[in-house]
Amino acid sequence: MEIIGEKIALKPYTIERCHEFYKEYVSDVAMTYESYVYNQDKVEDYYQNKVLDSKRRFFAICLNDKVIGEIQLKHIDLKKLCGTMSIVLLNDTVKGKGFGTEAERLLIDYATNNLGLHTIYADVVHRNLRSRYILEKLRFKHLYDDILAYYRFDDGS
């Protein structure tokens, strides 16, 4: 399934797209102080154990045909009608241009209209002010702070 937006598209997260993403990925100091080095075996394990997990829906964030990020719904609970959103962008060259915000809007729409979820959670590293701002802009409500800052979006149902 492809979800087409104005600037970007959410496309199926194939193993090829996953490798394409992680070959160019640069870790963000707003999320971690650890640097990232591509490792084919680790990406294969990540794909098998995370991307193919039935309680997750992964998408590649694509600008034209280039993978610039990954976005997912994880911990999907179809009985409680909730899940948790997570996003990672490639590097600083694709940040601050609205691509992540649009991807999150598209995923929220998919989660509520296609999966029937009423509640979407998100968590963010405290120092990641950009992500916190975007969540609040998208009508997520701050719940509490612990190791991370925790947010909740309700569709109004």
N, C-alpha and C. Protein backbone atom coordinates (compact mmCIF):
# COMPACT_ATOMS: atom_id res chain seq x y z
N MET A 1 0.84 -1.18 0.00
CA MET A 1 0.00 0.00 0.00
C MET A 1 0.89 1.24 0.00
N GLU A 2 0.60 2.17 -0.87
CA GLU A 2 1.28 3.46 -0.92
C GLU A 2 0.32 4.54 -0.47
N ILE A 3 0.83 5.48 0.29
CA ILE A 3 0.03 6.62 0.74
C ILE A 3 0.72 7.86 0.19
N ILE A 4 0.03 8.54 -0.72
CA ILE A 4 0.62 9.66 -1.43
C ILE A 4 0.24 10.98 -0.76
N GLY A 5 1.25 11.77 -0.45
CA GLY A 5 1.03 13.10 0.12
C GLY A 5 1.36 14.17 -0.90
N GLU A 6 1.46 15.39 -0.42
CA GLU A 6 1.80 16.51 -1.31
C GLU A 6 3.27 16.51 -1.69
N LYS A 7 4.16 16.31 -0.71
CA LYS A 7 5.59 16.35 -0.95
C LYS A 7 6.22 14.97 -0.97
N ILE A 8 5.70 14.07 -0.15
CA ILE A 8 6.31 12.75 0.05
C ILE A 8 5.27 11.65 -0.13
N ALA A 9 5.74 10.43 -0.14
CA ALA A 9 4.85 9.26 -0.17
C ALA A 9 5.34 8.27 0.87
N LEU A 10 4.40 7.59 1.49
CA LEU A 10 4.72 6.47 2.37
C LEU A 10 4.58 5.21 1.53
N LYS A 11 5.69 4.48 1.39
CA LYS A 11 5.71 3.30 0.53
C LYS A 11 6.04 2.07 1.37
N PRO A 12 5.68 0.89 0.87
CA PRO A 12 6.00 -0.33 1.61
C PRO A 12 7.50 -0.37 1.93
N TYR A 13 7.82 -0.78 3.15
CA TYR A 13 9.20 -0.79 3.60
C TYR A 13 9.82 -2.14 3.28
N THR A 14 10.34 -2.24 2.08
CA THR A 14 10.99 -3.48 1.63
C THR A 14 12.39 -3.58 2.23
N ILE A 15 12.97 -4.76 2.15
CA ILE A 15 14.34 -4.94 2.64
C ILE A 15 15.30 -4.04 1.88
N GLU A 16 15.06 -3.85 0.59
CA GLU A 16 15.93 -2.99 -0.21
C GLU A 16 15.84 -1.53 0.26
N ARG A 17 14.63 -1.08 0.54
CA ARG A 17 14.47 0.29 1.03
C ARG A 17 15.09 0.45 2.41
N CYS A 18 14.98 -0.56 3.23
CA CYS A 18 15.57 -0.52 4.57
C CYS A 18 17.09 -0.38 4.47
N HIS A 19 17.71 -1.17 3.62
CA HIS A 19 19.17 -1.06 3.43
C HIS A 19 19.53 0.30 2.84
N GLU A 20 18.76 0.77 1.87
CA GLU A 20 19.02 2.08 1.27
C GLU A 20 19.03 3.16 2.35
N PHE A 21 18.03 3.10 3.23
CA PHE A 21 17.94 4.09 4.30
C PHE A 21 19.15 4.02 5.23
N TYR A 22 19.45 2.84 5.74
CA TYR A 22 20.50 2.73 6.75
C TYR A 22 21.92 2.87 6.19
N LYS A 23 22.10 2.71 4.88
CA LYS A 23 23.42 2.97 4.29
C LYS A 23 23.77 4.45 4.36
N GLU A 24 22.75 5.31 4.38
CA GLU A 24 22.99 6.76 4.40
C GLU A 24 22.60 7.42 5.71
N TYR A 25 22.02 6.68 6.63
CA TYR A 25 21.53 7.24 7.88
C TYR A 25 22.66 7.85 8.71
N VAL A 26 22.38 9.02 9.27
CA VAL A 26 23.29 9.69 10.20
C VAL A 26 22.51 9.92 11.49
N SER A 27 23.02 9.41 12.60
CA SER A 27 22.29 9.56 13.87
C SER A 27 22.20 11.03 14.25
N ASP A 28 21.12 11.36 14.92
CA ASP A 28 20.81 12.74 15.31
C ASP A 28 21.13 12.91 16.79
N VAL A 29 21.93 13.92 17.12
CA VAL A 29 22.30 14.14 18.52
C VAL A 29 21.10 14.52 19.37
N ALA A 30 20.00 14.92 18.75
CA ALA A 30 18.78 15.19 19.52
C ALA A 30 18.15 13.89 20.01
N MET A 31 18.55 12.77 19.42
CA MET A 31 18.00 11.48 19.82
C MET A 31 19.02 10.61 20.55
N THR A 32 20.27 10.66 20.12
CA THR A 32 21.32 9.82 20.73
C THR A 32 22.67 10.47 20.51
N TYR A 33 23.57 10.23 21.42
CA TYR A 33 24.93 10.73 21.26
C TYR A 33 25.83 9.69 20.59
N GLU A 34 25.30 8.51 20.34
CA GLU A 34 26.07 7.45 19.70
C GLU A 34 26.05 7.62 18.19
N SER A 35 27.20 7.45 17.55
CA SER A 35 27.24 7.52 16.09
C SER A 35 26.75 6.19 15.52
N TYR A 36 26.36 6.20 14.26
CA TYR A 36 25.83 5.01 13.61
C TYR A 36 26.76 4.61 12.48
N VAL A 37 27.03 3.31 12.39
CA VAL A 37 27.81 2.75 11.29
C VAL A 37 26.97 1.64 10.67
N TYR A 38 26.76 1.71 9.38
CA TYR A 38 25.96 0.70 8.67
C TYR A 38 26.57 -0.69 8.84
N ASN A 39 25.70 -1.66 9.13
CA ASN A 39 26.10 -3.06 9.24
C ASN A 39 25.00 -3.89 8.58
N GLN A 40 25.33 -4.53 7.48
CA GLN A 40 24.34 -5.27 6.70
C GLN A 40 23.61 -6.31 7.54
N ASP A 41 24.33 -7.07 8.35
CA ASP A 41 23.71 -8.11 9.17
C ASP A 41 22.74 -7.52 10.20
N LYS A 42 23.13 -6.41 10.82
CA LYS A 42 22.25 -5.77 11.80
C LYS A 42 20.98 -5.23 11.15
N VAL A 43 21.11 -4.70 9.94
CA VAL A 43 19.92 -4.22 9.22
C VAL A 43 19.03 -5.39 8.87
N GLU A 44 19.62 -6.51 8.44
CA GLU A 44 18.83 -7.71 8.14
C GLU A 44 18.06 -8.17 9.39
N ASP A 45 18.73 -8.21 10.53
CA ASP A 45 18.08 -8.61 11.79
C ASP A 45 16.97 -7.63 12.15
N TYR A 46 17.26 -6.35 12.03
CA TYR A 46 16.26 -5.31 12.32
C TYR A 46 15.03 -5.52 11.45
N TYR A 47 15.24 -5.75 10.17
CA TYR A 47 14.13 -5.94 9.24
C TYR A 47 13.30 -7.16 9.63
N GLN A 48 13.98 -8.27 9.89
CA GLN A 48 13.28 -9.51 10.24
C GLN A 48 12.52 -9.40 11.57
N ASN A 49 13.13 -8.76 12.56
CA ASN A 49 12.55 -8.74 13.90
C ASN A 49 11.63 -7.56 14.18
N LYS A 50 11.80 -6.47 13.48
CA LYS A 50 10.98 -5.28 13.73
C LYS A 50 10.01 -5.02 12.58
N VAL A 51 10.55 -4.85 11.38
CA VAL A 51 9.71 -4.45 10.25
C VAL A 51 8.66 -5.52 9.95
N LEU A 52 9.01 -6.78 10.06
CA LEU A 52 8.06 -7.86 9.73
C LEU A 52 7.19 -8.27 10.91
N ASP A 53 7.32 -7.63 12.05
CA ASP A 53 6.50 -7.91 13.23
C ASP A 53 5.04 -7.58 12.92
N SER A 54 4.14 -8.51 13.17
CA SER A 54 2.72 -8.32 12.82
C SER A 54 2.03 -7.24 13.65
N LYS A 55 2.62 -6.82 14.76
CA LYS A 55 2.03 -5.76 15.57
C LYS A 55 2.58 -4.38 15.18
N ARG A 56 3.20 -4.32 14.02
CA ARG A 56 3.75 -3.06 13.51
C ARG A 56 3.33 -2.86 12.06
N ARG A 57 3.27 -1.60 11.65
CA ARG A 57 3.08 -1.22 10.25
C ARG A 57 4.18 -0.22 9.94
N PHE A 58 5.11 -0.63 9.07
CA PHE A 58 6.25 0.20 8.68
C PHE A 58 6.04 0.77 7.29
N PHE A 59 6.52 1.97 7.09
CA PHE A 59 6.54 2.59 5.77
C PHE A 59 7.88 3.28 5.56
N ALA A 60 8.34 3.28 4.32
CA ALA A 60 9.47 4.11 3.93
C ALA A 60 8.90 5.48 3.58
N ILE A 61 9.54 6.53 4.08
CA ILE A 61 9.17 7.88 3.69
C ILE A 61 10.00 8.20 2.46
N CYS A 62 9.33 8.43 1.33
CA CYS A 62 10.04 8.62 0.07
C CYS A 62 9.78 10.00 -0.51
N LEU A 63 10.85 10.64 -0.93
CA LEU A 63 10.81 11.89 -1.67
C LEU A 63 11.18 11.50 -3.08
N ASN A 64 10.20 11.57 -3.97
CA ASN A 64 10.32 10.96 -5.29
C ASN A 64 10.58 9.48 -5.05
N ASP A 65 11.69 8.93 -5.48
CA ASP A 65 11.95 7.51 -5.22
C ASP A 65 13.03 7.30 -4.18
N LYS A 66 13.52 8.36 -3.56
CA LYS A 66 14.59 8.25 -2.57
C LYS A 66 14.00 8.09 -1.17
N VAL A 67 14.50 7.10 -0.43
CA VAL A 67 14.06 6.88 0.95
C VAL A 67 14.74 7.93 1.83
N ILE A 68 13.91 8.75 2.49
CA ILE A 68 14.46 9.80 3.37
C ILE A 68 14.09 9.56 4.83
N GLY A 69 13.40 8.46 5.10
CA GLY A 69 13.03 8.16 6.47
C GLY A 69 12.23 6.89 6.58
N GLU A 70 11.93 6.54 7.80
CA GLU A 70 11.04 5.42 8.08
C GLU A 70 10.06 5.87 9.15
N ILE A 71 8.84 5.39 9.03
CA ILE A 71 7.80 5.72 10.01
C ILE A 71 7.03 4.44 10.28
N GLN A 72 6.60 4.30 11.53
CA GLN A 72 5.89 3.08 11.88
C GLN A 72 4.84 3.33 12.94
N LEU A 73 3.89 2.43 12.97
CA LEU A 73 2.99 2.25 14.10
C LEU A 73 3.43 0.96 14.75
N LYS A 74 3.70 1.00 16.04
CA LYS A 74 4.12 -0.20 16.76
C LYS A 74 3.17 -0.42 17.93
N HIS A 75 3.27 -1.58 18.54
CA HIS A 75 2.40 -1.95 19.66
C HIS A 75 0.92 -1.76 19.29
N ILE A 76 0.57 -2.13 18.08
CA ILE A 76 -0.82 -1.98 17.62
C ILE A 76 -1.70 -2.95 18.39
N ASP A 77 -2.74 -2.42 19.00
CA ASP A 77 -3.70 -3.22 19.75
C ASP A 77 -5.08 -2.97 19.14
N LEU A 78 -5.56 -3.92 18.33
CA LEU A 78 -6.84 -3.74 17.64
C LEU A 78 -8.03 -3.92 18.56
N LYS A 79 -7.83 -4.45 19.76
CA LYS A 79 -8.92 -4.52 20.74
C LYS A 79 -9.09 -3.18 21.45
N LYS A 80 -7.97 -2.59 21.84
CA LYS A 80 -8.02 -1.27 22.51
C LYS A 80 -7.99 -0.12 21.51
N LEU A 81 -7.80 -0.46 20.23
CA LEU A 81 -7.78 0.51 19.13
C LEU A 81 -6.72 1.60 19.34
N CYS A 82 -5.50 1.14 19.63
CA CYS A 82 -4.41 2.09 19.84
C CYS A 82 -3.10 1.55 19.28
N GLY A 83 -2.14 2.43 19.14
CA GLY A 83 -0.80 2.07 18.69
C GLY A 83 0.14 3.23 19.00
N THR A 84 1.41 3.01 18.76
CA THR A 84 2.42 4.02 19.04
C THR A 84 3.17 4.37 17.77
N MET A 85 3.27 5.67 17.49
CA MET A 85 3.94 6.15 16.29
C MET A 85 5.41 6.42 16.56
N SER A 86 6.25 6.12 15.57
CA SER A 86 7.68 6.38 15.66
C SER A 86 8.18 6.78 14.29
N ILE A 87 9.11 7.75 14.23
CA ILE A 87 9.64 8.23 12.96
C ILE A 87 11.13 8.49 13.11
N VAL A 88 11.86 8.21 12.04
CA VAL A 88 13.29 8.52 11.95
C VAL A 88 13.55 9.07 10.56
N LEU A 89 14.21 10.22 10.50
CA LEU A 89 14.59 10.80 9.22
C LEU A 89 16.06 10.56 8.94
N LEU A 90 16.42 10.54 7.67
CA LEU A 90 17.73 10.16 7.19
C LEU A 90 18.88 10.95 7.79
N ASN A 91 18.79 12.26 7.70
CA ASN A 91 19.87 13.12 8.20
C ASN A 91 19.38 14.57 8.18
N ASP A 92 20.23 15.49 8.54
CA ASP A 92 19.84 16.90 8.66
C ASP A 92 19.41 17.53 7.33
N THR A 93 19.79 16.95 6.20
CA THR A 93 19.44 17.55 4.92
C THR A 93 17.94 17.45 4.61
N VAL A 94 17.24 16.55 5.29
CA VAL A 94 15.80 16.39 5.03
C VAL A 94 14.94 16.87 6.19
N LYS A 95 15.57 17.47 7.19
CA LYS A 95 14.83 17.97 8.36
C LYS A 95 14.52 19.45 8.19
N GLY A 96 13.43 19.86 8.82
CA GLY A 96 13.03 21.27 8.76
C GLY A 96 12.37 21.66 7.46
N LYS A 97 11.93 20.69 6.67
CA LYS A 97 11.30 20.96 5.37
C LYS A 97 9.85 20.49 5.32
N GLY A 98 9.35 19.98 6.44
CA GLY A 98 7.96 19.54 6.50
C GLY A 98 7.74 18.09 6.12
N PHE A 99 8.79 17.38 5.73
CA PHE A 99 8.62 15.98 5.31
C PHE A 99 8.16 15.10 6.47
N GLY A 100 8.78 15.26 7.63
CA GLY A 100 8.40 14.46 8.79
C GLY A 100 6.99 14.77 9.27
N THR A 101 6.65 16.05 9.29
CA THR A 101 5.30 16.45 9.69
C THR A 101 4.26 15.84 8.76
N GLU A 102 4.52 15.91 7.46
CA GLU A 102 3.58 15.34 6.49
C GLU A 102 3.49 13.83 6.65
N ALA A 103 4.61 13.17 6.88
CA ALA A 103 4.60 11.72 7.07
C ALA A 103 3.77 11.36 8.30
N GLU A 104 3.92 12.11 9.38
CA GLU A 104 3.15 11.83 10.59
C GLU A 104 1.66 12.06 10.35
N ARG A 105 1.32 13.13 9.64
CA ARG A 105 -0.10 13.37 9.30
C ARG A 105 -0.67 12.21 8.49
N LEU A 106 0.08 11.77 7.49
CA LEU A 106 -0.38 10.66 6.65
C LEU A 106 -0.55 9.38 7.47
N LEU A 107 0.38 9.12 8.39
CA LEU A 107 0.30 7.91 9.21
C LEU A 107 -0.88 7.99 10.18
N ILE A 108 -1.13 9.16 10.74
CA ILE A 108 -2.29 9.33 11.63
C ILE A 108 -3.58 9.06 10.86
N ASP A 109 -3.66 9.58 9.64
CA ASP A 109 -4.84 9.36 8.80
C ASP A 109 -5.00 7.86 8.50
N TYR A 110 -3.91 7.20 8.15
CA TYR A 110 -3.93 5.76 7.88
C TYR A 110 -4.37 4.99 9.12
N ALA A 111 -3.81 5.35 10.27
CA ALA A 111 -4.11 4.63 11.51
C ALA A 111 -5.58 4.77 11.89
N THR A 112 -6.13 5.96 11.75
CA THR A 112 -7.52 6.18 12.16
C THR A 112 -8.50 5.69 11.10
N ASN A 113 -8.22 5.93 9.83
CA ASN A 113 -9.19 5.59 8.77
C ASN A 113 -9.04 4.19 8.21
N ASN A 114 -7.84 3.62 8.22
CA ASN A 114 -7.65 2.28 7.67
C ASN A 114 -7.61 1.19 8.74
N LEU A 115 -6.98 1.51 9.86
CA LEU A 115 -6.88 0.52 10.93
C LEU A 115 -7.95 0.70 12.00
N GLY A 116 -8.63 1.83 11.98
CA GLY A 116 -9.68 2.10 12.96
C GLY A 116 -9.19 2.44 14.35
N LEU A 117 -7.93 2.87 14.46
CA LEU A 117 -7.40 3.24 15.77
C LEU A 117 -7.98 4.57 16.23
N HIS A 118 -8.25 4.67 17.53
CA HIS A 118 -8.77 5.92 18.10
C HIS A 118 -7.69 6.69 18.84
N THR A 119 -6.66 5.97 19.31
CA THR A 119 -5.61 6.60 20.10
C THR A 119 -4.25 6.23 19.53
N ILE A 120 -3.40 7.24 19.41
CA ILE A 120 -2.03 7.03 18.95
C ILE A 120 -1.10 7.66 19.98
N TYR A 121 -0.17 6.87 20.44
CA TYR A 121 0.81 7.35 21.40
C TYR A 121 2.11 7.68 20.67
N ALA A 122 2.93 8.47 21.30
CA ALA A 122 4.28 8.76 20.79
C ALA A 122 5.16 9.07 21.99
N ASP A 123 6.42 8.76 21.84
CA ASP A 123 7.38 9.15 22.87
C ASP A 123 8.57 9.78 22.18
N VAL A 124 9.24 10.65 22.91
CA VAL A 124 10.33 11.41 22.32
C VAL A 124 11.38 11.70 23.38
N VAL A 125 12.64 11.72 22.96
CA VAL A 125 13.73 12.10 23.84
C VAL A 125 13.51 13.55 24.26
N HIS A 126 13.71 13.85 25.52
CA HIS A 126 13.44 15.19 26.06
C HIS A 126 14.10 16.30 25.26
N ARG A 127 15.34 16.12 24.87
CA ARG A 127 16.06 17.20 24.18
C ARG A 127 15.68 17.36 22.71
N ASN A 128 14.82 16.46 22.20
CA ASN A 128 14.40 16.54 20.80
C ASN A 128 13.22 17.53 20.69
N LEU A 129 13.54 18.78 20.80
CA LEU A 129 12.52 19.83 20.82
C LEU A 129 11.73 19.91 19.53
N ARG A 130 12.37 19.63 18.41
CA ARG A 130 11.68 19.68 17.11
C ARG A 130 10.55 18.64 17.08
N SER A 131 10.84 17.42 17.51
CA SER A 131 9.81 16.37 17.52
C SER A 131 8.69 16.71 18.49
N ARG A 132 9.05 17.24 19.64
CA ARG A 132 8.02 17.62 20.62
C ARG A 132 7.10 18.69 20.04
N TYR A 133 7.69 19.68 19.37
CA TYR A 133 6.90 20.75 18.76
C TYR A 133 5.94 20.19 17.70
N ILE A 134 6.44 19.29 16.87
CA ILE A 134 5.61 18.72 15.80
C ILE A 134 4.46 17.91 16.38
N LEU A 135 4.73 17.10 17.40
CA LEU A 135 3.65 16.34 18.02
C LEU A 135 2.56 17.27 18.54
N GLU A 136 2.95 18.33 19.20
CA GLU A 136 1.95 19.27 19.73
C GLU A 136 1.21 19.97 18.60
N LYS A 137 1.91 20.28 17.52
CA LYS A 137 1.29 20.89 16.34
C LYS A 137 0.24 19.95 15.72
N LEU A 138 0.48 18.64 15.83
CA LEU A 138 -0.44 17.64 15.28
C LEU A 138 -1.52 17.22 16.28
N ARG A 139 -1.67 17.99 17.36
CA ARG A 139 -2.72 17.80 18.36
C ARG A 139 -2.47 16.64 19.32
N PHE A 140 -1.21 16.23 19.46
CA PHE A 140 -0.87 15.28 20.51
C PHE A 140 -0.81 16.05 21.82
N LYS A 141 -1.29 15.43 22.88
CA LYS A 141 -1.26 16.04 24.21
C LYS A 141 -0.14 15.41 25.01
N HIS A 142 0.64 16.25 25.66
CA HIS A 142 1.71 15.77 26.52
C HIS A 142 1.09 15.08 27.73
N LEU A 143 1.51 13.86 28.00
CA LEU A 143 0.98 13.10 29.12
C LEU A 143 1.85 13.24 30.36
N TYR A 144 3.14 12.90 30.22
CA TYR A 144 4.05 12.96 31.35
C TYR A 144 5.48 12.79 30.86
N ASP A 145 6.41 13.07 31.76
CA ASP A 145 7.82 12.89 31.48
C ASP A 145 8.37 11.81 32.39
N ASP A 146 9.20 10.97 31.81
CA ASP A 146 9.91 9.94 32.55
C ASP A 146 11.27 9.86 31.86
N ILE A 147 11.68 8.69 31.47
CA ILE A 147 12.91 8.57 30.69
C ILE A 147 12.75 9.32 29.38
N LEU A 148 11.54 9.28 28.83
CA LEU A 148 11.16 10.01 27.61
C LEU A 148 9.99 10.93 27.94
N ALA A 149 9.62 11.76 26.98
CA ALA A 149 8.39 12.54 27.09
C ALA A 149 7.31 11.76 26.34
N TYR A 150 6.15 11.58 26.96
CA TYR A 150 5.09 10.74 26.40
C TYR A 150 3.91 11.60 25.98
N TYR A 151 3.35 11.24 24.80
CA TYR A 151 2.26 12.00 24.19
C TYR A 151 1.14 11.06 23.77
N ARG A 152 -0.05 11.66 23.58
CA ARG A 152 -1.22 10.90 23.17
C ARG A 152 -2.06 11.74 22.21
N PHE A 153 -2.52 11.09 21.12
CA PHE A 153 -3.43 11.70 20.16
C PHE A 153 -4.73 10.90 20.20
N ASP A 154 -5.85 11.61 20.30
CA ASP A 154 -7.16 10.95 20.24
C ASP A 154 -7.90 11.49 19.02
N ASP A 155 -8.54 10.59 18.29
CA ASP A 155 -9.24 11.00 17.07
C ASP A 155 -10.58 11.67 17.32
N GLY A 156 -10.99 11.77 18.56
CA GLY A 156 -12.25 12.44 18.87
C GLY A 156 -13.43 11.48 18.99
N SER A 157 -13.21 10.19 18.79
CA SER A 157 -14.32 9.24 18.93
C SER A 157 -14.65 8.96 20.36
